[in-house]
């Protein structure tokens, strides 16, 4: 059914309803809300609507650093559609915005693990001699020593049974309870594992 024309029409209707609700009740300086609104506009091909909302946001919050607010693909779509030029969101090397974008780029590499919700997380492991205050939005002397992202890990044994599926059967767990569980290695662990290489 999801591939049918009726499903596409229903999705189109829901997205338009979300846009209409935002037009009536949305806040022009809500960064996440405007980002979601613009993404829906892109999905529906309503680029002028997205441009208007984003321009209002940039006027309402002139100090907004887009690199701290949005993912890399979204920023590239703003440049592609001619809404915000790339020079507006090109962070200086080593800045907090640069590090956030690097971690977000890692998050885009996440793989779907069957049976688990997709968790897009990226991480950077840093070594620093000095970290500036968050209000300064700059990390001085930061060196990235590892980059990581959530990805598929070895399956886990059944719950409350360590470690084998055979042990689960002996312990009397139901057939459903004996199944191996999908697992996802977290981005931070991915970084740490690289240190041993």
N, C-alpha and C. Protein backbone atom coordinates (compact mmCIF):
# COMPACT_ATOMS: atom_id res chain seq x y z
N UNK A 1 0.82 -1.18 0.00
CA UNK A 1 0.00 0.00 0.00
C UNK A 1 0.87 1.25 0.00
N UNK A 2 2.00 1.22 0.70
CA UNK A 2 2.84 2.41 0.81
C UNK A 2 3.36 2.89 -0.54
N UNK A 3 3.46 1.97 -1.51
CA UNK A 3 3.94 2.35 -2.84
C UNK A 3 2.80 2.79 -3.76
N UNK A 4 1.58 2.69 -3.30
CA UNK A 4 0.43 3.01 -4.15
C UNK A 4 0.25 4.52 -4.29
N UNK A 5 -0.45 4.94 -5.35
CA UNK A 5 -0.74 6.37 -5.52
C UNK A 5 -1.55 6.96 -4.36
N UNK A 6 -2.43 6.13 -3.78
CA UNK A 6 -3.24 6.62 -2.65
C UNK A 6 -2.34 6.97 -1.46
N UNK A 7 -1.32 6.17 -1.23
CA UNK A 7 -0.40 6.44 -0.11
C UNK A 7 0.38 7.72 -0.38
N UNK A 8 0.79 7.92 -1.63
CA UNK A 8 1.53 9.14 -1.98
C UNK A 8 0.66 10.37 -1.76
N UNK A 9 -0.61 10.27 -2.15
CA UNK A 9 -1.54 11.39 -1.95
C UNK A 9 -1.73 11.67 -0.46
N UNK A 10 -1.84 10.61 0.34
CA UNK A 10 -2.02 10.77 1.78
C UNK A 10 -0.79 11.44 2.40
N UNK A 11 0.40 11.02 1.96
CA UNK A 11 1.63 11.63 2.48
C UNK A 11 1.70 13.10 2.08
N UNK A 12 1.35 13.39 0.83
CA UNK A 12 1.34 14.77 0.33
C UNK A 12 0.37 15.62 1.16
N UNK A 13 -0.80 15.06 1.45
CA UNK A 13 -1.80 15.77 2.26
C UNK A 13 -1.26 16.06 3.65
N UNK A 14 -0.63 15.05 4.30
CA UNK A 14 -0.10 15.25 5.66
C UNK A 14 1.00 16.30 5.68
N UNK A 15 1.88 16.28 4.68
CA UNK A 15 2.96 17.27 4.63
C UNK A 15 2.40 18.68 4.42
N UNK A 16 1.41 18.80 3.54
CA UNK A 16 0.78 20.11 3.33
C UNK A 16 0.07 20.60 4.59
N UNK A 17 -0.55 19.68 5.30
CA UNK A 17 -1.20 20.04 6.55
C UNK A 17 -0.18 20.57 7.56
N UNK A 18 0.98 19.91 7.64
CA UNK A 18 2.04 20.36 8.54
C UNK A 18 2.50 21.77 8.17
N UNK A 19 2.66 22.04 6.87
CA UNK A 19 3.07 23.38 6.43
C UNK A 19 2.02 24.42 6.79
N UNK A 20 0.76 24.08 6.55
CA UNK A 20 -0.31 25.04 6.84
C UNK A 20 -0.38 25.35 8.34
N UNK A 21 -0.21 24.33 9.18
CA UNK A 21 -0.22 24.55 10.62
C UNK A 21 0.95 25.44 11.03
N UNK A 22 2.11 25.20 10.43
CA UNK A 22 3.27 26.03 10.78
C UNK A 22 3.04 27.48 10.33
N UNK A 23 2.46 27.65 9.15
CA UNK A 23 2.18 29.01 8.66
C UNK A 23 1.28 29.77 9.65
N UNK A 24 0.35 29.06 10.28
CA UNK A 24 -0.59 29.70 11.20
C UNK A 24 -0.01 29.89 12.60
N UNK A 25 0.77 28.93 13.09
CA UNK A 25 1.18 28.94 14.50
C UNK A 25 2.69 28.93 14.73
N UNK A 26 3.49 28.75 13.69
CA UNK A 26 4.93 28.62 13.87
C UNK A 26 5.61 29.92 14.24
N UNK A 27 6.73 29.78 14.92
CA UNK A 27 7.52 30.94 15.33
C UNK A 27 8.64 31.17 14.32
N UNK A 28 8.79 32.39 13.87
CA UNK A 28 9.79 32.70 12.85
C UNK A 28 11.22 32.55 13.34
N UNK A 29 11.42 32.54 14.67
CA UNK A 29 12.79 32.40 15.18
C UNK A 29 13.03 31.05 15.85
N UNK A 30 12.16 30.06 15.58
CA UNK A 30 12.35 28.69 16.06
C UNK A 30 13.22 27.96 15.04
N UNK A 31 14.51 27.80 15.36
CA UNK A 31 15.48 27.28 14.40
C UNK A 31 15.11 25.87 13.93
N UNK A 32 14.84 24.97 14.88
CA UNK A 32 14.51 23.59 14.50
C UNK A 32 13.20 23.54 13.70
N UNK A 33 12.22 24.32 14.14
CA UNK A 33 10.94 24.33 13.45
C UNK A 33 11.05 24.84 12.01
N UNK A 34 11.80 25.92 11.82
CA UNK A 34 12.00 26.46 10.47
C UNK A 34 12.77 25.47 9.61
N UNK A 35 13.76 24.79 10.21
CA UNK A 35 14.50 23.77 9.46
C UNK A 35 13.61 22.65 8.99
N UNK A 36 12.74 22.16 9.86
CA UNK A 36 11.80 21.10 9.50
C UNK A 36 10.81 21.61 8.45
N UNK A 37 10.33 22.81 8.63
CA UNK A 37 9.41 23.43 7.66
C UNK A 37 10.07 23.49 6.28
N UNK A 38 11.32 23.94 6.24
CA UNK A 38 12.03 24.05 4.96
C UNK A 38 12.24 22.68 4.33
N UNK A 39 12.57 21.68 5.15
CA UNK A 39 12.77 20.32 4.62
C UNK A 39 11.49 19.79 3.99
N UNK A 40 10.35 20.07 4.62
CA UNK A 40 9.06 19.65 4.06
C UNK A 40 8.79 20.40 2.76
N UNK A 41 9.10 21.68 2.75
CA UNK A 41 8.93 22.47 1.52
C UNK A 41 9.77 21.88 0.38
N UNK A 42 11.02 21.50 0.67
CA UNK A 42 11.87 20.89 -0.36
C UNK A 42 11.24 19.60 -0.87
N UNK A 43 10.71 18.80 0.06
CA UNK A 43 10.08 17.52 -0.31
C UNK A 43 8.90 17.74 -1.25
N UNK A 44 8.16 18.82 -1.02
CA UNK A 44 6.98 19.11 -1.84
C UNK A 44 7.29 19.99 -3.04
N UNK A 45 8.56 20.39 -3.19
CA UNK A 45 8.94 21.25 -4.31
C UNK A 45 8.55 22.70 -4.13
N UNK A 46 8.31 23.13 -2.92
CA UNK A 46 7.90 24.50 -2.62
C UNK A 46 9.10 25.32 -2.15
N UNK A 47 10.08 25.46 -3.00
CA UNK A 47 11.33 26.12 -2.64
C UNK A 47 11.12 27.59 -2.24
N UNK A 48 10.30 28.38 -2.94
CA UNK A 48 10.11 29.78 -2.51
C UNK A 48 9.58 29.90 -1.08
N UNK A 49 8.72 28.97 -0.69
CA UNK A 49 8.19 28.97 0.67
C UNK A 49 9.30 28.71 1.69
N UNK A 50 10.18 27.77 1.36
CA UNK A 50 11.32 27.46 2.23
C UNK A 50 12.24 28.67 2.33
N UNK A 51 12.50 29.30 1.18
CA UNK A 51 13.40 30.46 1.15
C UNK A 51 12.86 31.59 2.02
N UNK A 52 11.56 31.83 1.93
CA UNK A 52 10.96 32.90 2.72
C UNK A 52 11.11 32.61 4.22
N UNK A 53 10.84 31.37 4.64
CA UNK A 53 10.94 31.02 6.06
C UNK A 53 12.37 31.14 6.55
N UNK A 54 13.33 30.67 5.76
CA UNK A 54 14.74 30.72 6.17
C UNK A 54 15.25 32.16 6.21
N UNK A 55 14.84 32.98 5.25
CA UNK A 55 15.26 34.38 5.27
C UNK A 55 14.68 35.12 6.48
N UNK A 56 13.43 34.81 6.83
CA UNK A 56 12.82 35.40 8.04
C UNK A 56 13.59 34.96 9.28
N UNK A 57 14.01 33.69 9.32
CA UNK A 57 14.78 33.19 10.45
C UNK A 57 16.11 33.93 10.57
N UNK A 58 16.80 34.10 9.45
CA UNK A 58 18.10 34.78 9.47
C UNK A 58 17.97 36.25 9.85
N UNK A 59 16.84 36.87 9.50
CA UNK A 59 16.60 38.25 9.92
C UNK A 59 16.26 38.31 11.41
N UNK A 60 15.49 37.34 11.90
CA UNK A 60 15.08 37.33 13.31
C UNK A 60 16.24 36.96 14.23
N UNK A 61 17.14 36.09 13.74
CA UNK A 61 18.28 35.63 14.55
C UNK A 61 19.55 35.85 13.73
N UNK A 62 20.02 37.10 13.61
CA UNK A 62 21.17 37.39 12.74
C UNK A 62 22.47 36.72 13.18
N UNK A 63 22.57 36.38 14.46
CA UNK A 63 23.80 35.75 14.95
C UNK A 63 23.80 34.23 14.77
N UNK A 64 22.76 33.69 14.17
CA UNK A 64 22.63 32.24 14.01
C UNK A 64 23.77 31.67 13.17
N UNK A 65 24.46 30.69 13.72
CA UNK A 65 25.49 29.96 12.98
C UNK A 65 24.82 28.71 12.41
N UNK A 66 24.59 28.72 11.12
CA UNK A 66 23.88 27.61 10.47
C UNK A 66 24.59 26.28 10.67
N UNK A 67 25.91 26.31 10.81
CA UNK A 67 26.68 25.07 10.99
C UNK A 67 26.43 24.43 12.35
N UNK A 68 25.98 25.19 13.31
CA UNK A 68 25.65 24.64 14.61
C UNK A 68 24.19 24.18 14.67
N UNK A 69 23.41 24.55 13.67
CA UNK A 69 21.97 24.26 13.70
C UNK A 69 21.54 23.14 12.76
N UNK A 70 22.20 23.01 11.61
CA UNK A 70 21.70 22.08 10.59
C UNK A 70 22.76 21.09 10.13
N UNK A 71 22.28 19.96 9.60
CA UNK A 71 23.16 18.91 9.10
C UNK A 71 23.80 19.33 7.78
N UNK A 72 24.94 18.71 7.43
CA UNK A 72 25.65 19.09 6.19
C UNK A 72 24.81 18.98 4.93
N UNK A 73 24.01 17.90 4.80
CA UNK A 73 23.20 17.75 3.57
C UNK A 73 22.17 18.85 3.43
N UNK A 74 21.59 19.25 4.56
CA UNK A 74 20.60 20.31 4.53
C UNK A 74 21.25 21.62 4.11
N UNK A 75 22.43 21.89 4.64
CA UNK A 75 23.15 23.12 4.27
C UNK A 75 23.48 23.13 2.78
N UNK A 76 23.89 21.96 2.26
CA UNK A 76 24.20 21.89 0.83
C UNK A 76 22.95 22.13 -0.02
N UNK A 77 21.79 21.65 0.46
CA UNK A 77 20.56 21.90 -0.30
C UNK A 77 20.20 23.38 -0.29
N UNK A 78 20.54 24.10 0.79
CA UNK A 78 20.29 25.54 0.80
C UNK A 78 21.13 26.24 -0.27
N UNK A 79 22.36 25.77 -0.45
CA UNK A 79 23.22 26.33 -1.49
C UNK A 79 22.72 25.92 -2.87
N UNK A 80 22.36 24.66 -3.02
CA UNK A 80 21.87 24.14 -4.31
C UNK A 80 20.64 24.90 -4.79
N UNK A 81 19.71 25.17 -3.88
CA UNK A 81 18.48 25.88 -4.24
C UNK A 81 18.69 27.39 -4.31
N UNK A 82 19.89 27.86 -3.99
CA UNK A 82 20.18 29.29 -4.08
C UNK A 82 19.55 30.11 -2.97
N UNK A 83 19.25 29.48 -1.84
CA UNK A 83 18.61 30.19 -0.73
C UNK A 83 19.66 30.88 0.14
N UNK A 84 20.68 30.13 0.50
CA UNK A 84 21.77 30.67 1.32
C UNK A 84 23.08 30.25 0.65
N UNK A 85 23.94 31.20 0.31
CA UNK A 85 25.20 30.82 -0.34
C UNK A 85 26.12 30.05 0.60
N UNK A 86 26.92 29.17 0.03
CA UNK A 86 27.80 28.31 0.82
C UNK A 86 28.76 29.11 1.69
N UNK A 87 29.18 30.27 1.23
CA UNK A 87 30.13 31.08 2.02
C UNK A 87 29.51 31.50 3.36
N UNK A 88 28.18 31.53 3.45
CA UNK A 88 27.48 31.92 4.68
C UNK A 88 27.63 30.86 5.77
N UNK A 89 27.90 29.59 5.36
CA UNK A 89 28.01 28.53 6.35
C UNK A 89 29.29 27.71 6.20
N UNK A 90 30.35 28.34 5.78
CA UNK A 90 31.64 27.67 5.70
C UNK A 90 32.41 28.00 6.98
N UNK A 91 32.50 27.05 7.92
CA UNK A 91 33.17 27.34 9.19
C UNK A 91 34.68 27.39 9.04
N UNK A 92 35.32 28.15 9.89
CA UNK A 92 36.78 28.18 9.88
C UNK A 92 37.31 26.89 10.49
N UNK A 93 38.42 26.42 9.97
CA UNK A 93 39.00 25.17 10.41
C UNK A 93 39.31 25.19 11.91
N UNK A 94 38.89 24.14 12.60
CA UNK A 94 39.16 24.04 14.02
C UNK A 94 38.14 24.72 14.91
N UNK A 95 37.19 25.45 14.32
CA UNK A 95 36.17 26.12 15.12
C UNK A 95 35.16 25.09 15.62
N UNK A 96 34.36 25.49 16.59
CA UNK A 96 33.32 24.60 17.11
C UNK A 96 32.38 24.19 15.98
N UNK A 97 31.99 25.13 15.12
CA UNK A 97 31.10 24.83 14.00
C UNK A 97 31.72 23.79 13.06
N UNK A 98 33.02 23.91 12.83
CA UNK A 98 33.72 22.94 11.98
C UNK A 98 33.67 21.55 12.60
N UNK A 99 33.92 21.47 13.90
CA UNK A 99 33.89 20.18 14.59
C UNK A 99 32.48 19.58 14.59
N UNK A 100 31.48 20.42 14.79
CA UNK A 100 30.09 19.94 14.77
C UNK A 100 29.75 19.39 13.38
N UNK A 101 30.17 20.08 12.34
CA UNK A 101 29.89 19.60 10.97
C UNK A 101 30.63 18.30 10.67
N UNK A 102 31.84 18.16 11.17
CA UNK A 102 32.59 16.91 10.97
C UNK A 102 31.88 15.74 11.66
N UNK A 103 31.41 15.97 12.88
CA UNK A 103 30.67 14.92 13.59
C UNK A 103 29.36 14.60 12.88
N UNK A 104 28.69 15.62 12.38
CA UNK A 104 27.43 15.41 11.64
C UNK A 104 27.68 14.64 10.35
N UNK A 105 28.81 14.89 9.70
CA UNK A 105 29.16 14.14 8.48
C UNK A 105 29.37 12.67 8.81
N UNK A 106 29.97 12.39 9.96
CA UNK A 106 30.13 11.01 10.39
C UNK A 106 28.77 10.36 10.63
N UNK A 107 27.85 11.10 11.22
CA UNK A 107 26.52 10.56 11.51
C UNK A 107 25.80 10.12 10.24
N UNK A 108 26.10 10.77 9.12
CA UNK A 108 25.45 10.41 7.85
C UNK A 108 25.88 9.04 7.36
N UNK A 109 26.95 8.48 7.92
CA UNK A 109 27.44 7.17 7.51
C UNK A 109 26.74 6.03 8.25
N UNK A 110 25.88 6.35 9.20
CA UNK A 110 25.23 5.32 10.01
C UNK A 110 24.43 4.36 9.14
N UNK A 111 24.47 3.10 9.54
CA UNK A 111 23.76 2.05 8.82
C UNK A 111 22.53 1.64 9.61
N UNK A 112 21.50 1.21 8.89
CA UNK A 112 20.30 0.72 9.55
C UNK A 112 20.57 -0.69 10.06
N UNK A 113 20.18 -0.95 11.30
CA UNK A 113 20.32 -2.28 11.88
C UNK A 113 18.92 -2.85 12.01
N UNK A 114 18.67 -4.00 11.36
CA UNK A 114 17.34 -4.59 11.42
C UNK A 114 16.86 -4.75 12.85
N UNK A 115 15.64 -4.34 13.11
CA UNK A 115 15.07 -4.51 14.43
C UNK A 115 15.39 -3.38 15.39
N UNK A 116 16.25 -2.45 15.01
CA UNK A 116 16.58 -1.32 15.88
C UNK A 116 16.25 -0.03 15.15
N UNK A 117 15.78 0.96 15.88
CA UNK A 117 15.58 2.26 15.22
C UNK A 117 16.93 2.83 14.77
N UNK A 118 16.90 3.53 13.67
CA UNK A 118 18.14 4.12 13.14
C UNK A 118 18.53 5.31 14.02
N UNK A 119 19.70 5.23 14.60
CA UNK A 119 20.21 6.30 15.45
C UNK A 119 21.41 6.91 14.76
N UNK A 120 21.24 8.08 14.22
CA UNK A 120 22.34 8.74 13.49
C UNK A 120 23.15 9.58 14.46
N UNK A 121 24.27 9.03 14.90
CA UNK A 121 25.17 9.76 15.79
C UNK A 121 26.57 9.71 15.21
N UNK A 122 27.27 10.82 15.29
CA UNK A 122 28.67 10.87 14.92
C UNK A 122 29.44 11.42 16.09
N UNK A 123 30.70 11.07 16.17
CA UNK A 123 31.51 11.54 17.30
C UNK A 123 32.93 11.84 16.84
N UNK A 124 33.55 12.76 17.52
CA UNK A 124 34.97 13.08 17.32
C UNK A 124 35.66 12.91 18.66
N UNK A 125 36.79 12.27 18.66
CA UNK A 125 37.60 12.17 19.86
C UNK A 125 38.71 13.20 19.71
N UNK A 126 38.77 14.13 20.65
CA UNK A 126 39.70 15.26 20.57
C UNK A 126 40.76 15.18 21.65
N UNK A 127 41.88 15.72 21.34
CA UNK A 127 42.88 15.99 22.35
C UNK A 127 43.14 17.49 22.28
N UNK A 128 43.08 18.14 23.41
CA UNK A 128 43.19 19.60 23.43
C UNK A 128 44.18 20.04 24.50
N UNK A 129 44.86 21.11 24.21
CA UNK A 129 45.69 21.73 25.24
C UNK A 129 44.86 22.75 26.00
N UNK A 130 43.90 23.36 25.31
CA UNK A 130 43.06 24.37 25.94
C UNK A 130 41.71 24.39 25.25
N UNK A 131 40.65 24.42 26.00
CA UNK A 131 39.30 24.50 25.44
C UNK A 131 38.72 25.86 25.81
N UNK A 132 38.27 26.60 24.82
CA UNK A 132 37.69 27.93 25.07
C UNK A 132 36.31 27.77 25.70
N UNK A 133 35.80 28.83 26.27
CA UNK A 133 34.46 28.82 26.83
C UNK A 133 33.45 28.62 25.71
N UNK A 134 32.33 27.92 26.01
CA UNK A 134 31.31 27.70 24.97
C UNK A 134 30.81 28.99 24.34
N UNK A 135 30.76 30.08 25.10
CA UNK A 135 30.26 31.34 24.55
C UNK A 135 31.19 31.87 23.45
N UNK A 136 32.44 31.44 23.45
CA UNK A 136 33.37 31.89 22.42
C UNK A 136 33.25 31.08 21.13
N UNK A 137 32.57 29.93 21.23
CA UNK A 137 32.32 29.08 20.06
C UNK A 137 33.59 28.77 19.28
N UNK A 138 34.66 28.46 19.98
CA UNK A 138 35.89 28.08 19.30
C UNK A 138 36.69 27.17 20.22
N UNK A 139 37.20 26.10 19.69
CA UNK A 139 38.01 25.17 20.46
C UNK A 139 39.45 25.38 20.01
N UNK A 140 40.25 25.94 20.90
CA UNK A 140 41.64 26.24 20.55
C UNK A 140 42.52 25.02 20.78
N UNK A 141 43.39 24.73 19.85
CA UNK A 141 44.33 23.64 19.99
C UNK A 141 43.74 22.26 19.88
N UNK A 142 42.51 22.14 19.40
CA UNK A 142 41.87 20.82 19.29
C UNK A 142 42.49 20.04 18.13
N UNK A 143 42.79 18.79 18.42
CA UNK A 143 43.28 17.89 17.38
C UNK A 143 42.35 16.69 17.38
N UNK A 144 41.78 16.39 16.23
CA UNK A 144 40.89 15.23 16.11
C UNK A 144 41.77 14.00 15.97
N UNK A 145 41.64 13.06 16.91
CA UNK A 145 42.46 11.85 16.84
C UNK A 145 41.66 10.63 16.37
N UNK A 146 40.33 10.75 16.36
CA UNK A 146 39.49 9.66 15.82
C UNK A 146 38.11 10.21 15.50
N UNK A 147 37.50 9.63 14.48
CA UNK A 147 36.13 9.96 14.10
C UNK A 147 35.33 8.67 14.08
N UNK A 148 34.08 8.74 14.51
CA UNK A 148 33.28 7.52 14.55
C UNK A 148 31.81 7.77 14.29
N UNK A 149 31.09 6.69 14.06
CA UNK A 149 29.65 6.77 13.83
C UNK A 149 29.01 5.47 14.30
N UNK A 150 27.71 5.51 14.59
CA UNK A 150 26.99 4.31 14.98
C UNK A 150 26.96 3.34 13.81
N UNK A 151 27.23 2.08 14.08
CA UNK A 151 27.16 1.08 13.02
C UNK A 151 26.86 -0.29 13.61
N UNK A 152 26.61 -1.23 12.73
CA UNK A 152 26.22 -2.58 13.13
C UNK A 152 27.33 -3.21 13.96
N UNK A 153 26.94 -3.86 15.06
CA UNK A 153 27.88 -4.60 15.90
C UNK A 153 27.45 -6.06 15.94
N UNK A 154 28.25 -6.90 16.54
CA UNK A 154 27.90 -8.31 16.67
C UNK A 154 26.59 -8.45 17.42
N UNK A 155 25.81 -9.45 17.03
CA UNK A 155 24.53 -9.66 17.69
C UNK A 155 24.73 -10.05 19.15
N UNK A 156 23.77 -9.68 19.96
CA UNK A 156 23.78 -10.03 21.37
C UNK A 156 22.96 -11.29 21.57
N UNK A 157 23.27 -12.01 22.63
CA UNK A 157 22.48 -13.19 22.96
C UNK A 157 21.11 -12.79 23.48
N UNK A 158 20.30 -13.79 23.80
CA UNK A 158 18.96 -13.49 24.34
C UNK A 158 19.04 -12.72 25.65
N UNK A 159 18.00 -11.98 25.95
CA UNK A 159 17.95 -11.23 27.20
C UNK A 159 18.03 -12.17 28.39
N UNK A 160 18.68 -11.71 29.45
CA UNK A 160 18.78 -12.46 30.70
C UNK A 160 19.40 -13.84 30.53
N UNK A 161 20.20 -14.01 29.50
CA UNK A 161 20.84 -15.30 29.29
C UNK A 161 22.21 -15.06 28.70
N UNK A 162 23.23 -15.44 29.37
CA UNK A 162 24.57 -15.10 28.92
C UNK A 162 25.32 -16.35 28.57
N UNK A 163 25.87 -16.46 27.41
CA UNK A 163 25.69 -15.65 26.23
C UNK A 163 24.97 -16.37 25.12
N UNK A 164 24.77 -17.69 25.23
CA UNK A 164 24.39 -18.47 24.05
C UNK A 164 22.90 -18.70 23.95
N UNK A 165 22.46 -18.86 22.71
CA UNK A 165 21.06 -19.15 22.43
C UNK A 165 20.71 -20.54 22.98
N UNK A 166 21.66 -21.48 22.93
CA UNK A 166 21.42 -22.82 23.46
C UNK A 166 21.11 -22.75 24.95
N UNK A 167 21.81 -21.89 25.68
CA UNK A 167 21.54 -21.72 27.11
C UNK A 167 20.13 -21.19 27.34
N UNK A 168 19.65 -20.37 26.43
CA UNK A 168 18.30 -19.81 26.56
C UNK A 168 17.26 -20.91 26.46
N UNK A 169 17.47 -21.86 25.56
CA UNK A 169 16.52 -22.96 25.41
C UNK A 169 16.49 -23.81 26.68
N UNK A 170 17.66 -24.10 27.23
CA UNK A 170 17.75 -24.91 28.45
C UNK A 170 17.10 -24.20 29.62
N UNK A 171 17.24 -22.88 29.66
CA UNK A 171 16.69 -22.13 30.79
C UNK A 171 15.19 -21.97 30.73
N UNK A 172 14.59 -22.40 29.63
CA UNK A 172 13.13 -22.37 29.53
C UNK A 172 12.55 -21.12 28.92
N UNK A 173 13.39 -20.27 28.30
CA UNK A 173 12.86 -19.08 27.63
C UNK A 173 12.01 -19.50 26.42
N UNK A 174 10.98 -18.74 26.15
CA UNK A 174 10.13 -19.02 24.99
C UNK A 174 10.95 -18.90 23.71
N UNK A 175 10.42 -19.44 22.64
CA UNK A 175 11.13 -19.38 21.35
C UNK A 175 11.42 -17.93 20.96
N UNK A 176 10.46 -17.04 21.20
CA UNK A 176 10.65 -15.62 20.90
C UNK A 176 11.76 -15.03 21.78
N UNK A 177 11.82 -15.42 23.02
CA UNK A 177 12.82 -14.91 23.94
C UNK A 177 14.22 -15.44 23.68
N UNK A 178 14.33 -16.49 22.86
CA UNK A 178 15.63 -17.09 22.57
C UNK A 178 16.37 -16.44 21.42
N UNK A 179 15.70 -15.55 20.72
CA UNK A 179 16.32 -14.96 19.53
C UNK A 179 17.52 -14.09 19.89
N UNK A 180 18.48 -14.08 18.97
CA UNK A 180 19.61 -13.15 19.11
C UNK A 180 19.08 -11.73 18.88
N UNK A 181 19.71 -10.77 19.51
CA UNK A 181 19.27 -9.38 19.40
C UNK A 181 20.25 -8.59 18.55
N UNK A 182 19.70 -7.75 17.68
CA UNK A 182 20.54 -6.86 16.88
C UNK A 182 21.19 -5.83 17.79
N UNK A 183 22.36 -5.38 17.41
CA UNK A 183 23.07 -4.40 18.22
C UNK A 183 23.71 -3.35 17.34
N UNK A 184 23.90 -2.20 17.92
CA UNK A 184 24.53 -1.09 17.22
C UNK A 184 25.64 -0.54 18.10
N UNK A 185 26.84 -0.44 17.53
CA UNK A 185 27.97 0.12 18.28
C UNK A 185 27.86 1.64 18.23
N UNK A 186 28.01 2.27 19.37
CA UNK A 186 27.88 3.72 19.44
C UNK A 186 29.11 4.41 18.86
N UNK A 187 28.90 5.62 18.38
CA UNK A 187 29.95 6.40 17.73
C UNK A 187 31.16 6.61 18.64
N UNK A 188 30.90 6.87 19.91
CA UNK A 188 31.99 7.11 20.84
C UNK A 188 32.88 5.87 21.00
N UNK A 189 32.24 4.69 21.05
CA UNK A 189 32.99 3.43 21.16
C UNK A 189 33.78 3.19 19.88
N UNK A 190 33.18 3.52 18.75
CA UNK A 190 33.87 3.41 17.46
C UNK A 190 35.16 4.23 17.48
N UNK A 191 35.09 5.43 18.04
CA UNK A 191 36.29 6.28 18.16
C UNK A 191 37.34 5.61 19.04
N UNK A 192 36.90 5.14 20.20
CA UNK A 192 37.85 4.54 21.15
C UNK A 192 38.53 3.29 20.59
N UNK A 193 37.78 2.49 19.83
CA UNK A 193 38.35 1.27 19.26
C UNK A 193 39.45 1.58 18.26
N UNK A 194 39.39 2.75 17.64
CA UNK A 194 40.42 3.13 16.67
C UNK A 194 41.74 3.47 17.33
N UNK A 195 41.72 3.78 18.61
CA UNK A 195 42.95 4.16 19.29
C UNK A 195 43.92 3.00 19.41
N UNK A 196 43.39 1.78 19.42
CA UNK A 196 44.28 0.61 19.54
C UNK A 196 44.96 0.24 18.25
N UNK A 197 44.58 0.87 17.14
CA UNK A 197 45.14 0.51 15.83
C UNK A 197 46.46 1.21 15.58
